[in-house]
N, C-alpha and C. Protein backbone atom coordinates (compact mmCIF):
# COMPACT_ATOMS: atom_id res chain seq x y z
N ASP A 1 30.08 -123.53 -23.27
CA ASP A 1 29.34 -123.35 -22.40
C ASP A 1 28.70 -123.95 -21.39
N TYR A 2 29.22 -125.30 -21.60
CA TYR A 2 28.47 -126.36 -20.68
C TYR A 2 29.46 -127.29 -19.91
N ALA A 3 29.18 -127.01 -18.58
CA ALA A 3 30.29 -126.93 -17.60
C ALA A 3 30.28 -128.60 -17.10
N ASP A 4 28.95 -129.48 -17.46
CA ASP A 4 29.62 -130.41 -17.42
C ASP A 4 30.10 -131.37 -17.98
N ALA A 5 30.07 -131.11 -19.12
CA ALA A 5 30.81 -131.65 -20.33
C ALA A 5 32.21 -131.32 -20.33
N TRP A 6 32.99 -130.07 -19.94
CA TRP A 6 34.56 -129.45 -19.39
C TRP A 6 34.65 -130.88 -18.33
N ALA A 7 34.01 -130.44 -17.33
CA ALA A 7 34.67 -131.57 -16.44
C ALA A 7 34.68 -132.86 -16.61
N VAL A 8 33.78 -133.55 -17.75
CA VAL A 8 33.90 -134.84 -17.98
C VAL A 8 35.41 -135.09 -19.24
N LEU A 9 34.96 -133.63 -19.77
CA LEU A 9 36.92 -133.94 -21.01
C LEU A 9 37.88 -133.88 -19.93
N ALA A 10 37.55 -133.52 -18.70
CA ALA A 10 39.02 -133.17 -17.94
C ALA A 10 39.27 -134.57 -17.17
N ASN A 11 37.98 -135.72 -17.17
CA ASN A 11 38.64 -136.50 -16.56
C ASN A 11 38.97 -137.05 -17.59
N ILE A 12 38.86 -137.52 -18.93
CA ILE A 12 39.47 -138.55 -20.21
C ILE A 12 40.47 -138.33 -20.24
N TYR A 13 40.79 -136.87 -20.14
CA TYR A 13 42.27 -136.03 -20.38
C TYR A 13 43.41 -136.94 -19.31
N ALA A 14 42.63 -137.20 -18.30
CA ALA A 14 43.18 -137.27 -16.97
C ALA A 14 43.86 -138.96 -17.18
N GLN A 15 42.95 -139.98 -17.81
CA GLN A 15 43.13 -141.33 -17.63
C GLN A 15 43.81 -141.77 -19.00
N GLU A 16 44.21 -140.66 -19.50
CA GLU A 16 45.06 -140.89 -20.96
C GLU A 16 46.50 -141.18 -20.04
N HIS A 17 47.11 -140.38 -18.48
CA HIS A 17 47.86 -141.00 -17.98
C HIS A 17 47.71 -141.51 -16.64
N ARG A 18 46.67 -141.44 -15.95
CA ARG A 18 47.13 -141.87 -14.91
C ARG A 18 46.31 -144.09 -15.18
N PHE A 19 45.97 -144.32 -15.71
CA PHE A 19 45.86 -145.47 -16.39
C PHE A 19 46.57 -146.14 -17.83
N GLY A 20 46.97 -145.23 -18.52
CA GLY A 20 47.96 -145.73 -19.82
C GLY A 20 46.84 -145.50 -21.12
N PHE A 21 44.90 -144.95 -21.06
CA PHE A 21 44.40 -145.20 -21.91
C PHE A 21 44.78 -144.12 -23.01
N ASN A 22 44.92 -144.98 -24.38
CA ASN A 22 45.29 -144.46 -25.46
C ASN A 22 45.91 -143.13 -25.02
N PRO A 23 46.93 -143.16 -24.32
CA PRO A 23 48.00 -141.97 -24.41
C PRO A 23 48.64 -141.78 -25.98
N ARG A 24 48.73 -140.29 -26.13
CA ARG A 24 49.33 -139.64 -27.06
C ARG A 24 50.29 -138.74 -26.68
N PRO A 25 51.13 -138.66 -25.91
CA PRO A 25 52.25 -137.34 -25.52
C PRO A 25 52.60 -137.10 -26.77
N GLU A 26 53.26 -137.59 -27.57
CA GLU A 26 53.96 -136.90 -28.88
C GLU A 26 52.87 -135.63 -29.45
N LEU A 27 51.43 -135.68 -29.22
CA LEU A 27 50.17 -135.04 -29.60
C LEU A 27 49.88 -133.62 -28.51
N TYR A 28 50.00 -133.85 -27.22
CA TYR A 28 50.19 -132.98 -26.43
C TYR A 28 49.69 -133.61 -24.77
N ASP A 29 50.32 -132.64 -24.10
CA ASP A 29 50.52 -132.73 -22.47
C ASP A 29 48.78 -133.21 -22.17
N SER A 30 48.78 -134.22 -21.61
CA SER A 30 47.37 -134.85 -21.28
C SER A 30 47.01 -134.19 -19.69
N TYR A 31 48.22 -133.96 -18.83
CA TYR A 31 47.79 -133.86 -18.05
C TYR A 31 47.34 -131.86 -17.91
N GLU A 32 48.03 -131.06 -18.93
CA GLU A 32 47.60 -130.09 -18.82
C GLU A 32 46.54 -129.59 -19.57
N ARG A 33 45.71 -130.86 -20.14
CA ARG A 33 44.56 -130.32 -20.91
C ARG A 33 43.63 -130.98 -19.97
N SER A 34 44.03 -131.98 -19.42
CA SER A 34 42.86 -131.88 -18.24
C SER A 34 42.59 -131.43 -17.16
N LEU A 35 44.04 -130.09 -16.42
CA LEU A 35 43.70 -128.99 -15.71
C LEU A 35 42.88 -128.08 -16.93
N THR A 36 43.44 -127.99 -17.88
CA THR A 36 42.27 -126.68 -18.44
C THR A 36 41.51 -126.80 -18.33
N ALA A 37 40.55 -128.36 -19.01
CA ALA A 37 39.18 -128.27 -19.04
C ALA A 37 38.70 -128.23 -17.71
N ALA A 38 39.48 -128.57 -16.29
CA ALA A 38 38.50 -128.82 -15.32
C ALA A 38 38.08 -127.10 -14.57
N TYR A 39 39.39 -126.23 -14.90
CA TYR A 39 39.60 -125.01 -14.77
C TYR A 39 38.18 -124.17 -15.53
N ARG A 40 37.72 -124.59 -16.94
CA ARG A 40 37.17 -123.94 -17.58
C ARG A 40 35.81 -124.51 -17.22
N ALA A 41 35.45 -125.51 -16.73
CA ALA A 41 34.15 -126.19 -15.93
C ALA A 41 33.84 -125.48 -14.68
N VAL A 42 34.44 -125.50 -13.87
CA VAL A 42 34.63 -124.13 -12.74
C VAL A 42 34.66 -122.53 -13.34
N GLU A 43 34.67 -122.19 -14.29
CA GLU A 43 34.96 -120.77 -14.28
C GLU A 43 33.33 -120.95 -14.83
N ILE A 44 33.19 -121.80 -15.52
CA ILE A 44 31.59 -121.74 -16.28
C ILE A 44 30.53 -121.33 -15.49
N GLU A 45 30.81 -122.75 -14.69
CA GLU A 45 29.17 -122.35 -12.92
C GLU A 45 30.36 -123.06 -12.23
N PRO A 46 30.53 -122.05 -11.06
CA PRO A 46 31.69 -122.60 -10.23
C PRO A 46 31.33 -122.64 -8.89
N ARG A 47 29.71 -123.55 -8.65
CA ARG A 47 28.77 -124.10 -8.30
C ARG A 47 28.74 -125.25 -8.31
N ASN A 48 29.27 -126.03 -9.82
CA ASN A 48 28.95 -127.16 -10.19
C ASN A 48 29.60 -128.29 -9.33
N PRO A 49 29.28 -129.09 -8.78
CA PRO A 49 30.18 -130.36 -8.01
C PRO A 49 31.23 -130.93 -8.98
N THR A 50 30.86 -131.43 -10.32
CA THR A 50 31.65 -132.18 -10.84
C THR A 50 32.61 -131.50 -11.20
N GLY A 51 32.30 -130.76 -11.77
CA GLY A 51 33.58 -129.58 -12.26
C GLY A 51 34.38 -128.85 -10.77
N GLN A 52 33.46 -128.95 -9.77
CA GLN A 52 34.93 -129.14 -8.54
C GLN A 52 35.45 -129.86 -8.37
N LEU A 53 34.95 -131.23 -8.45
CA LEU A 53 35.79 -132.82 -8.42
C LEU A 53 36.48 -132.79 -9.28
N MET A 54 36.23 -132.20 -10.39
CA MET A 54 37.09 -133.07 -11.55
C MET A 54 38.31 -132.14 -11.53
N LEU A 55 38.16 -131.06 -10.90
CA LEU A 55 39.45 -129.70 -10.66
C LEU A 55 40.15 -130.27 -9.37
N ALA A 56 39.24 -130.92 -8.70
CA ALA A 56 40.81 -131.69 -7.59
C ALA A 56 40.98 -132.76 -8.05
N ASN A 57 40.27 -133.80 -8.79
CA ASN A 57 41.40 -134.45 -9.50
C ASN A 57 42.57 -134.94 -10.03
N ALA A 58 41.95 -133.51 -11.36
CA ALA A 58 43.55 -132.46 -11.82
C ALA A 58 44.58 -132.22 -11.28
N LEU A 59 43.95 -131.57 -9.98
CA LEU A 59 45.58 -131.15 -9.03
C LEU A 59 45.92 -132.17 -8.44
N PHE A 60 45.25 -133.02 -8.02
CA PHE A 60 45.84 -134.21 -7.50
C PHE A 60 46.91 -134.99 -8.32
N ASP A 61 46.60 -134.85 -9.55
CA ASP A 61 47.82 -135.86 -10.64
C ASP A 61 48.76 -134.88 -10.91
N ARG A 62 48.35 -133.66 -10.33
CA ARG A 62 49.68 -132.43 -10.97
C ARG A 62 50.29 -132.48 -9.12
N HIS A 63 49.99 -133.07 -8.02
CA HIS A 63 50.67 -133.01 -6.48
C HIS A 63 50.49 -131.75 -6.45
N ASN A 64 49.56 -131.08 -6.31
CA ASN A 64 49.46 -129.97 -5.86
C ASN A 64 48.24 -130.34 -4.87
N LEU A 65 48.76 -130.11 -3.77
CA LEU A 65 47.64 -131.16 -2.77
C LEU A 65 46.84 -129.90 -1.67
N ALA A 66 47.91 -129.05 -1.50
CA ALA A 66 46.96 -128.13 -0.68
C ALA A 66 45.25 -127.64 -1.94
N ALA A 67 45.87 -127.45 -2.83
CA ALA A 67 45.06 -127.40 -3.70
C ALA A 67 43.43 -127.82 -3.93
N PHE A 68 43.90 -129.55 -4.04
CA PHE A 68 43.22 -130.70 -4.24
C PHE A 68 42.25 -130.24 -3.10
N ARG A 69 42.96 -130.35 -2.07
CA ARG A 69 42.11 -130.31 -0.67
C ARG A 69 40.77 -129.34 -0.68
N LYS A 70 41.42 -128.24 -1.18
CA LYS A 70 40.24 -127.57 -1.13
C LYS A 70 38.95 -127.38 -2.25
N ALA A 71 39.93 -127.73 -3.21
CA ALA A 71 38.73 -127.81 -3.93
C ALA A 71 38.01 -129.20 -4.20
N GLY A 72 38.50 -130.66 -3.36
CA GLY A 72 37.86 -131.63 -2.88
C GLY A 72 36.39 -131.47 -1.78
N GLU A 73 37.01 -130.28 -0.76
CA GLU A 73 35.90 -129.76 -0.09
C GLU A 73 35.19 -129.23 -0.54
N GLN A 74 35.33 -128.28 -1.57
CA GLN A 74 34.24 -127.86 -1.62
C GLN A 74 33.02 -128.39 -3.18
N ALA A 75 33.60 -129.85 -3.95
CA ALA A 75 33.34 -130.56 -4.34
C ALA A 75 31.98 -131.05 -3.52
N ILE A 76 32.12 -131.66 -2.19
CA ILE A 76 31.63 -132.70 -1.69
C ILE A 76 30.53 -131.63 -0.80
N SER A 77 30.81 -129.81 -0.10
CA SER A 77 30.15 -129.38 0.13
C SER A 77 29.04 -128.76 -0.55
N LEU A 78 29.30 -128.90 -1.82
CA LEU A 78 28.16 -128.58 -2.75
C LEU A 78 26.99 -129.23 -3.13
N ASN A 79 27.46 -130.53 -2.61
CA ASN A 79 26.64 -132.01 -2.92
C ASN A 79 26.53 -133.17 -2.06
N PRO A 80 26.70 -133.04 -0.72
CA PRO A 80 27.50 -133.81 0.69
C PRO A 80 26.67 -135.11 0.42
N ASN A 81 25.57 -135.48 -0.27
CA ASN A 81 25.13 -136.53 -0.31
C ASN A 81 24.94 -137.34 -1.85
N ASP A 82 25.92 -137.08 -2.67
CA ASP A 82 26.50 -137.65 -3.57
C ASP A 82 27.46 -138.37 -3.30
N PRO A 83 27.01 -140.05 -3.87
CA PRO A 83 28.47 -140.67 -3.12
C PRO A 83 29.51 -140.60 -4.64
N GLU A 84 29.49 -140.21 -5.49
CA GLU A 84 30.94 -139.88 -6.08
C GLU A 84 31.44 -139.17 -6.05
N PRO A 85 31.50 -137.47 -5.63
CA PRO A 85 32.18 -137.10 -4.53
C PRO A 85 32.79 -137.32 -3.75
N LEU A 86 32.07 -138.19 -3.10
CA LEU A 86 32.82 -138.80 -1.73
C LEU A 86 33.75 -140.13 -1.80
N ALA A 87 33.50 -140.09 -2.71
CA ALA A 87 33.99 -141.72 -3.03
C ALA A 87 35.28 -141.24 -3.72
N HIS A 88 35.58 -140.45 -4.43
CA HIS A 88 36.70 -139.80 -5.77
C HIS A 88 37.53 -139.37 -4.65
N TYR A 89 36.82 -138.48 -3.98
CA TYR A 89 38.02 -137.29 -2.57
C TYR A 89 38.40 -138.23 -1.86
N GLY A 90 37.44 -138.99 -1.11
CA GLY A 90 38.11 -139.97 -0.14
C GLY A 90 39.03 -140.62 -0.82
N THR A 91 39.10 -141.23 -1.49
CA THR A 91 39.74 -142.65 -2.02
C THR A 91 41.57 -141.74 -1.98
N ARG A 92 41.30 -140.57 -2.85
CA ARG A 92 42.53 -140.32 -2.98
C ARG A 92 43.51 -139.83 -1.34
N LEU A 93 42.26 -139.49 -0.71
CA LEU A 93 42.55 -139.25 0.93
C LEU A 93 43.27 -140.56 1.35
N VAL A 94 42.95 -141.43 1.51
CA VAL A 94 43.16 -142.77 1.85
C VAL A 94 44.57 -142.90 1.51
N TYR A 95 44.98 -142.86 -0.15
CA TYR A 95 46.21 -142.95 -0.64
C TYR A 95 47.19 -142.49 -0.15
N MET A 96 46.75 -140.92 -0.05
CA MET A 96 47.74 -139.76 0.63
C MET A 96 48.70 -140.42 2.13
N GLY A 97 47.59 -141.27 2.51
CA GLY A 97 47.81 -141.17 4.28
C GLY A 97 46.48 -141.20 4.80
N GLU A 98 45.29 -140.16 4.18
CA GLU A 98 44.70 -139.52 5.09
C GLU A 98 43.69 -140.55 5.34
N TRP A 99 44.02 -140.99 6.51
CA TRP A 99 43.07 -142.36 6.46
C TRP A 99 42.19 -141.95 7.29
N GLU A 100 41.74 -141.18 8.11
CA GLU A 100 40.66 -141.42 9.13
C GLU A 100 39.47 -140.54 8.43
N ARG A 101 40.05 -139.10 7.53
CA ARG A 101 38.88 -138.81 6.69
C ARG A 101 38.22 -139.00 5.62
N GLY A 102 39.55 -140.09 4.98
CA GLY A 102 39.55 -140.81 3.50
C GLY A 102 38.50 -141.73 3.58
N LEU A 103 38.45 -142.89 4.91
CA LEU A 103 37.78 -143.62 4.73
C LEU A 103 36.25 -142.94 5.33
N ALA A 104 35.78 -142.31 6.36
CA ALA A 104 34.68 -141.36 6.64
C ALA A 104 34.15 -141.42 5.35
N LEU A 105 34.78 -140.94 4.27
CA LEU A 105 34.06 -140.18 3.05
C LEU A 105 33.84 -141.32 2.07
N VAL A 106 34.82 -142.16 2.17
CA VAL A 106 34.04 -143.70 1.28
C VAL A 106 32.87 -144.35 1.81
N THR A 107 33.27 -144.94 3.06
CA THR A 107 32.56 -145.35 4.25
C THR A 107 30.78 -144.72 3.52
N LYS A 108 30.77 -143.43 3.82
CA LYS A 108 29.61 -142.61 3.75
C LYS A 108 28.86 -143.08 1.97
N ALA A 109 29.67 -143.11 1.06
CA ALA A 109 29.58 -143.08 -0.37
C ALA A 109 28.87 -144.73 -0.32
N ILE A 110 29.50 -145.23 0.39
CA ILE A 110 28.58 -146.64 -0.12
C ILE A 110 27.60 -147.06 0.41
N ALA A 111 27.23 -146.01 1.89
CA ALA A 111 26.22 -146.10 2.60
C ALA A 111 24.95 -145.68 1.93
N LEU A 112 25.70 -144.34 1.08
CA LEU A 112 24.47 -143.99 0.19
C LEU A 112 24.05 -144.55 -1.03
N ASN A 113 25.29 -145.76 -1.82
CA ASN A 113 25.04 -146.18 -2.67
C ASN A 113 25.55 -147.58 -2.85
N PRO A 114 24.02 -148.85 -2.21
CA PRO A 114 24.63 -149.90 -2.18
C PRO A 114 25.03 -150.50 -3.13
N GLU A 115 24.78 -150.19 -4.44
CA GLU A 115 25.67 -150.59 -5.81
C GLU A 115 26.07 -149.67 -6.43
N HIS A 116 26.76 -150.01 -5.50
CA HIS A 116 28.26 -149.05 -5.60
C HIS A 116 29.10 -149.39 -6.86
N PRO A 117 30.24 -149.26 -7.66
CA PRO A 117 30.98 -149.35 -8.75
C PRO A 117 32.01 -150.37 -7.18
N GLU A 118 32.87 -151.36 -7.97
CA GLU A 118 33.42 -151.81 -7.31
C GLU A 118 34.61 -151.46 -6.82
N TRP A 119 35.28 -150.36 -7.46
CA TRP A 119 36.31 -149.48 -7.02
C TRP A 119 36.10 -148.67 -5.48
N TYR A 120 34.73 -148.24 -5.08
CA TYR A 120 34.67 -148.13 -3.79
C TYR A 120 35.33 -148.60 -2.71
N LEU A 121 35.68 -150.05 -2.91
CA LEU A 121 36.37 -151.11 -1.84
C LEU A 121 38.20 -150.64 -1.86
N ASP A 122 38.76 -150.22 -2.77
CA ASP A 122 40.13 -150.54 -3.39
C ASP A 122 40.47 -149.52 -2.43
N PRO A 123 40.42 -148.24 -1.65
CA PRO A 123 40.65 -147.86 -0.45
C PRO A 123 40.57 -148.81 0.71
N ILE A 124 39.07 -149.60 1.29
CA ILE A 124 39.31 -150.23 1.98
C ILE A 124 40.38 -151.43 2.25
N ILE A 125 40.20 -151.96 0.74
CA ILE A 125 41.27 -152.97 0.86
C ILE A 125 42.83 -153.03 1.10
N TYR A 126 43.12 -151.37 0.33
CA TYR A 126 44.38 -150.47 1.12
C TYR A 126 44.67 -150.19 2.09
N TYR A 127 44.00 -149.56 2.96
CA TYR A 127 43.88 -149.14 4.30
C TYR A 127 44.23 -150.43 4.91
N HIS A 128 43.61 -151.84 4.90
CA HIS A 128 43.66 -153.04 6.03
C HIS A 128 45.16 -154.19 5.27
N TYR A 129 45.33 -153.17 4.51
CA TYR A 129 46.73 -153.67 3.68
C TYR A 129 48.09 -152.61 4.47
N GLN A 130 48.26 -151.48 4.45
CA GLN A 130 48.88 -151.02 4.84
C GLN A 130 48.78 -150.61 6.17
N THR A 131 47.57 -151.37 7.14
CA THR A 131 47.87 -151.51 8.39
C THR A 131 48.23 -152.71 8.89
N GLN A 132 48.47 -153.47 7.79
CA GLN A 132 48.91 -154.71 8.26
C GLN A 132 47.86 -155.78 8.77
N ASP A 133 46.62 -155.75 8.60
CA ASP A 133 45.66 -156.30 8.79
C ASP A 133 45.03 -156.99 7.27
N TYR A 134 46.24 -158.18 6.94
CA TYR A 134 45.95 -158.43 5.64
C TYR A 134 44.99 -159.98 6.06
N ALA A 135 44.36 -160.35 6.34
CA ALA A 135 43.01 -161.11 6.59
C ALA A 135 41.99 -160.20 6.27
N ARG A 136 41.75 -159.33 7.28
CA ARG A 136 40.97 -158.25 6.68
C ARG A 136 40.74 -157.92 5.23
N ALA A 137 41.77 -157.35 5.04
CA ALA A 137 42.18 -156.78 3.82
C ALA A 137 41.56 -157.58 2.45
N TRP A 138 42.30 -159.35 2.68
CA TRP A 138 41.81 -160.53 1.57
C TRP A 138 40.60 -160.37 1.61
N ALA A 139 39.15 -160.22 3.09
CA ALA A 139 38.37 -160.19 2.81
C ALA A 139 37.47 -159.52 2.43
N GLU A 140 37.93 -158.18 2.31
CA GLU A 140 37.15 -157.03 1.59
C GLU A 140 37.48 -157.54 0.18
N ALA A 141 38.08 -157.86 0.21
CA ALA A 141 38.88 -158.27 -1.48
C ALA A 141 38.19 -159.13 -2.34
N GLN A 142 38.00 -160.56 -1.75
CA GLN A 142 37.05 -161.39 -1.71
C GLN A 142 35.46 -161.00 -1.87
N SER A 143 35.27 -159.44 -1.40
CA SER A 143 33.52 -159.33 -1.48
C SER A 143 34.07 -158.29 -3.00
N GLN A 144 34.76 -158.12 -3.90
CA GLN A 144 34.34 -157.16 -4.84
C GLN A 144 34.44 -158.01 -6.26
N GLY A 145 33.88 -158.15 -7.16
CA GLY A 145 33.81 -158.40 -8.46
C GLY A 145 34.97 -159.18 -9.32
N ASP A 146 34.73 -159.23 -10.54
CA ASP A 146 36.20 -160.01 -11.08
C ASP A 146 36.68 -158.99 -12.37
N SER A 147 37.16 -157.54 -11.86
CA SER A 147 37.03 -156.83 -12.49
C SER A 147 38.35 -156.98 -13.26
N ARG A 148 39.63 -157.39 -12.28
CA ARG A 148 40.83 -157.94 -13.26
C ARG A 148 41.48 -156.65 -13.72
N ASP A 149 41.04 -155.50 -13.18
CA ASP A 149 42.31 -154.39 -13.74
C ASP A 149 43.47 -154.56 -12.76
N ILE A 150 44.63 -153.59 -13.53
CA ILE A 150 45.73 -153.81 -12.63
C ILE A 150 45.71 -153.53 -11.68
N TRP A 151 45.17 -152.55 -11.23
CA TRP A 151 45.21 -152.60 -9.11
C TRP A 151 44.49 -153.56 -8.29
N TRP A 152 43.39 -154.23 -9.26
CA TRP A 152 42.85 -155.59 -8.93
C TRP A 152 43.82 -156.75 -8.46
N LEU A 153 44.51 -156.52 -9.82
CA LEU A 153 45.30 -157.89 -9.53
C LEU A 153 46.30 -157.77 -8.37
N LEU A 154 47.08 -156.65 -8.66
CA LEU A 154 48.20 -156.00 -7.87
C LEU A 154 48.14 -155.92 -6.03
N PHE A 155 46.61 -155.60 -5.84
CA PHE A 155 46.12 -155.42 -4.46
C PHE A 155 45.90 -157.24 -4.15
N ARG A 156 45.37 -158.27 -4.91
CA ARG A 156 45.54 -159.49 -4.26
C ARG A 156 46.67 -160.11 -4.11
N VAL A 157 47.25 -159.99 -5.37
CA VAL A 157 48.91 -160.68 -5.30
C VAL A 157 49.69 -160.05 -4.05
N MET A 158 49.54 -158.44 -3.60
CA MET A 158 50.67 -158.73 -2.30
C MET A 158 49.88 -159.01 -0.91
N ILE A 159 48.66 -158.97 -0.91
CA ILE A 159 48.19 -159.69 0.19
C ILE A 159 48.29 -160.97 0.27
N LEU A 160 48.15 -161.45 -0.82
CA LEU A 160 48.66 -163.26 -0.48
C LEU A 160 50.07 -163.32 -0.56
N GLY A 161 50.87 -162.23 -0.66
CA GLY A 161 52.56 -162.60 -0.66
C GLY A 161 52.22 -162.62 1.25
N GLN A 162 51.94 -161.51 1.94
CA GLN A 162 52.05 -161.25 2.82
C GLN A 162 51.11 -162.32 4.07
N LEU A 163 50.15 -163.12 3.24
CA LEU A 163 50.00 -164.13 3.75
C LEU A 163 50.39 -166.15 3.63
N GLY A 164 51.50 -165.18 2.92
CA GLY A 164 52.49 -166.65 2.97
C GLY A 164 51.62 -167.65 1.99
N ARG A 165 51.04 -167.11 1.02
CA ARG A 165 49.97 -168.00 0.16
C ARG A 165 50.55 -167.49 -1.41
N SER A 166 51.86 -167.87 -1.56
CA SER A 166 52.41 -167.14 -3.03
C SER A 166 51.95 -167.66 -4.43
N GLN A 167 51.38 -169.80 -3.72
CA GLN A 167 51.28 -170.37 -4.93
C GLN A 167 49.84 -169.76 -5.49
N GLU A 168 48.91 -169.44 -4.61
CA GLU A 168 47.60 -169.04 -4.97
C GLU A 168 48.12 -167.54 -5.82
N ALA A 169 48.85 -166.94 -5.42
CA ALA A 169 49.08 -165.60 -6.39
C ALA A 169 50.05 -165.39 -7.64
N GLN A 170 50.52 -167.22 -8.17
CA GLN A 170 51.24 -166.84 -9.15
C GLN A 170 49.85 -167.03 -10.62
N PRO A 171 48.67 -167.28 -10.40
CA PRO A 171 48.08 -166.84 -11.53
C PRO A 171 47.61 -165.47 -11.83
N LEU A 172 47.47 -165.04 -10.97
CA LEU A 172 47.41 -163.58 -10.52
C LEU A 172 48.88 -162.79 -11.17
N ILE A 173 49.42 -163.31 -10.84
CA ILE A 173 51.09 -162.36 -11.17
C ILE A 173 51.29 -162.39 -12.29
N ASP A 174 50.85 -164.13 -13.54
CA ASP A 174 50.92 -164.19 -14.83
C ASP A 174 49.67 -163.36 -15.31
N ALA A 175 48.87 -162.79 -14.93
CA ALA A 175 47.59 -161.88 -15.50
C ALA A 175 48.04 -160.30 -15.55
N ALA A 176 49.10 -160.13 -14.40
CA ALA A 176 49.47 -159.17 -14.15
C ALA A 176 50.29 -158.74 -15.26
N LEU A 177 51.20 -159.26 -15.50
CA LEU A 177 52.23 -159.42 -16.33
C LEU A 177 52.06 -159.26 -17.75
N LYS A 178 50.68 -159.99 -18.31
CA LYS A 178 50.36 -159.91 -19.60
C LYS A 178 49.67 -158.50 -19.90
N LEU A 179 48.52 -158.44 -18.59
CA LEU A 179 47.76 -157.03 -18.95
C LEU A 179 49.09 -155.66 -18.78
N LYS A 180 50.28 -156.10 -18.18
CA LYS A 180 51.40 -154.66 -18.18
C LYS A 180 52.87 -155.24 -17.59
N PRO A 181 53.41 -155.65 -18.79
CA PRO A 181 54.95 -156.32 -19.06
C PRO A 181 55.23 -155.38 -17.97
N ASP A 182 55.67 -154.16 -17.91
CA ASP A 182 56.67 -153.38 -17.44
C ASP A 182 56.39 -153.31 -15.35
N VAL A 183 55.16 -153.76 -15.14
CA VAL A 183 55.02 -153.93 -13.82
C VAL A 183 56.13 -153.83 -12.96
N ARG A 184 57.07 -154.49 -13.17
CA ARG A 184 58.10 -154.94 -12.36
C ARG A 184 58.68 -153.23 -11.87
N GLU A 185 59.24 -152.92 -13.29
CA GLU A 185 59.98 -151.45 -13.30
C GLU A 185 58.75 -150.44 -12.89
N SER A 186 57.69 -150.34 -12.98
CA SER A 186 57.13 -149.36 -13.27
C SER A 186 55.69 -149.00 -12.08
N LEU A 187 55.70 -150.18 -11.01
CA LEU A 187 55.27 -149.92 -9.84
C LEU A 187 55.43 -148.85 -8.99
N TRP A 188 56.44 -148.22 -8.46
CA TRP A 188 56.67 -146.92 -8.25
C TRP A 188 55.74 -145.31 -9.15
N GLU A 189 56.55 -145.55 -9.99
CA GLU A 189 55.23 -144.52 -10.99
C GLU A 189 54.20 -144.45 -10.81
N MET A 190 53.94 -145.80 -11.05
CA MET A 190 52.16 -146.13 -11.17
C MET A 190 51.17 -145.56 -9.43
N ALA A 191 52.26 -145.72 -8.52
CA ALA A 191 51.73 -145.39 -7.18
C ALA A 191 52.19 -144.40 -6.97
N ARG A 192 53.25 -143.23 -7.26
CA ARG A 192 53.14 -142.48 -7.11
C ARG A 192 52.27 -141.02 -8.05
N ILE A 193 51.70 -141.72 -8.68
CA ILE A 193 50.29 -141.26 -9.64
C ILE A 193 49.43 -140.51 -8.29
N TRP A 194 49.42 -141.76 -7.97
CA TRP A 194 47.98 -141.94 -6.76
C TRP A 194 48.70 -140.87 -5.43
N ASN A 195 49.87 -140.17 -5.40
CA ASN A 195 50.32 -140.12 -4.35
C ASN A 195 50.57 -140.17 -2.95
N VAL A 196 50.85 -141.74 -3.30
CA VAL A 196 51.26 -142.63 -1.95
C VAL A 196 52.78 -142.22 -1.76
N PRO A 197 52.55 -142.34 -0.09
CA PRO A 197 53.87 -142.16 0.45
C PRO A 197 54.92 -143.23 0.73
N GLU A 198 55.88 -142.60 -0.24
CA GLU A 198 57.45 -143.72 -0.40
C GLU A 198 56.98 -145.34 0.46
N ALA A 199 57.19 -144.84 2.10
CA ALA A 199 57.26 -145.75 2.81
C ALA A 199 55.93 -146.86 2.10
N HIS A 200 54.65 -146.72 1.64
CA HIS A 200 53.67 -147.27 1.78
C HIS A 200 53.79 -147.92 0.25
N ILE A 201 54.49 -146.96 -0.75
CA ILE A 201 54.75 -148.05 -1.86
C ILE A 201 55.57 -148.87 -1.45
N GLU A 202 56.93 -148.93 -0.51
CA GLU A 202 57.93 -150.55 -0.15
C GLU A 202 56.97 -151.25 0.68
N HIS A 203 55.86 -150.73 1.16
CA HIS A 203 55.32 -152.18 1.60
C HIS A 203 54.56 -152.57 0.93
N MET A 204 53.85 -151.95 -0.22
CA MET A 204 52.92 -152.58 -1.45
C MET A 204 54.22 -153.72 -1.94
N ALA A 205 55.24 -153.10 -2.57
CA ALA A 205 56.07 -153.95 -3.31
C ALA A 205 56.96 -154.88 -2.63
N ASP A 206 57.24 -154.74 -0.91
CA ASP A 206 57.52 -156.17 -0.28
C ASP A 206 56.40 -157.23 -0.21
N GLY A 207 55.03 -156.61 -0.21
CA GLY A 207 54.38 -158.07 -0.47
C GLY A 207 54.42 -158.75 -1.71
N LEU A 208 54.58 -157.84 -2.78
CA LEU A 208 54.44 -157.97 -4.31
C LEU A 208 55.86 -159.27 -4.48
N ARG A 209 56.98 -158.87 -3.34
CA ARG A 209 57.81 -159.44 -4.09
C ARG A 209 58.11 -161.10 -2.84
N LYS A 210 57.10 -160.91 -1.81
CA LYS A 210 56.58 -162.15 -1.43
C LYS A 210 56.28 -163.43 -2.03
N ALA A 211 55.17 -162.51 -2.63
CA ALA A 211 54.26 -163.23 -3.78
C ALA A 211 55.10 -164.02 -4.92
N GLY A 212 56.18 -163.70 -5.30
CA GLY A 212 57.18 -163.92 -6.41
C GLY A 212 56.90 -162.89 -7.32
N LEU A 213 56.94 -161.52 -7.43
CA LEU A 213 56.77 -160.77 -8.09
C LEU A 213 58.07 -159.80 -7.97
N ALA A 214 58.64 -159.76 -8.75
CA ALA A 214 60.07 -159.15 -8.27
C ALA A 214 59.92 -157.73 -8.62
N ILE A 215 59.53 -156.95 -7.85
CA ILE A 215 59.55 -155.78 -8.05
C ILE A 215 61.25 -155.25 -8.14
């Protein structure tokens, strides 16, 4: 009967598929468990913003975007000055292509938490890349720390590719292939998890190809 625990459990299950953390598809459907746990959190405490946020994220993962928006708006209305719901919901809107609303939420989250996690900048980097402001995208990327997860690496590779700096991209390509050897084949699937429009995925692939990563 502890709503926050169910909400966080929903997030743990979601990470199994979203980032490939300890996946066990032979035992259960992690997406189904994520959604069930999120609904349980909201059932226990309908006005719990963490529960509503994790429900929104679980619905987003299942590409139920109308229900995602409803739960996401509910999460931020319940606690409008909590940067976490703002950043989670706003980031997903940006990746979907709803840039104005998404960036407004992410920018507010950053203002509310100057010591924000590095991933708060990911949608800003992504936006500048997709709008072909590659110099601005690179400047934003340079302001991040050195987390070196797969998207951290790929964002930098695609920007460098568009800037014609493929030689600089090669060490990052090597690191990406070491971290995820099948990244050439799996990019589209990885991006579709985040509901990125097909044309935007092709633009990402174009930058990676120009850098020397044969998507």
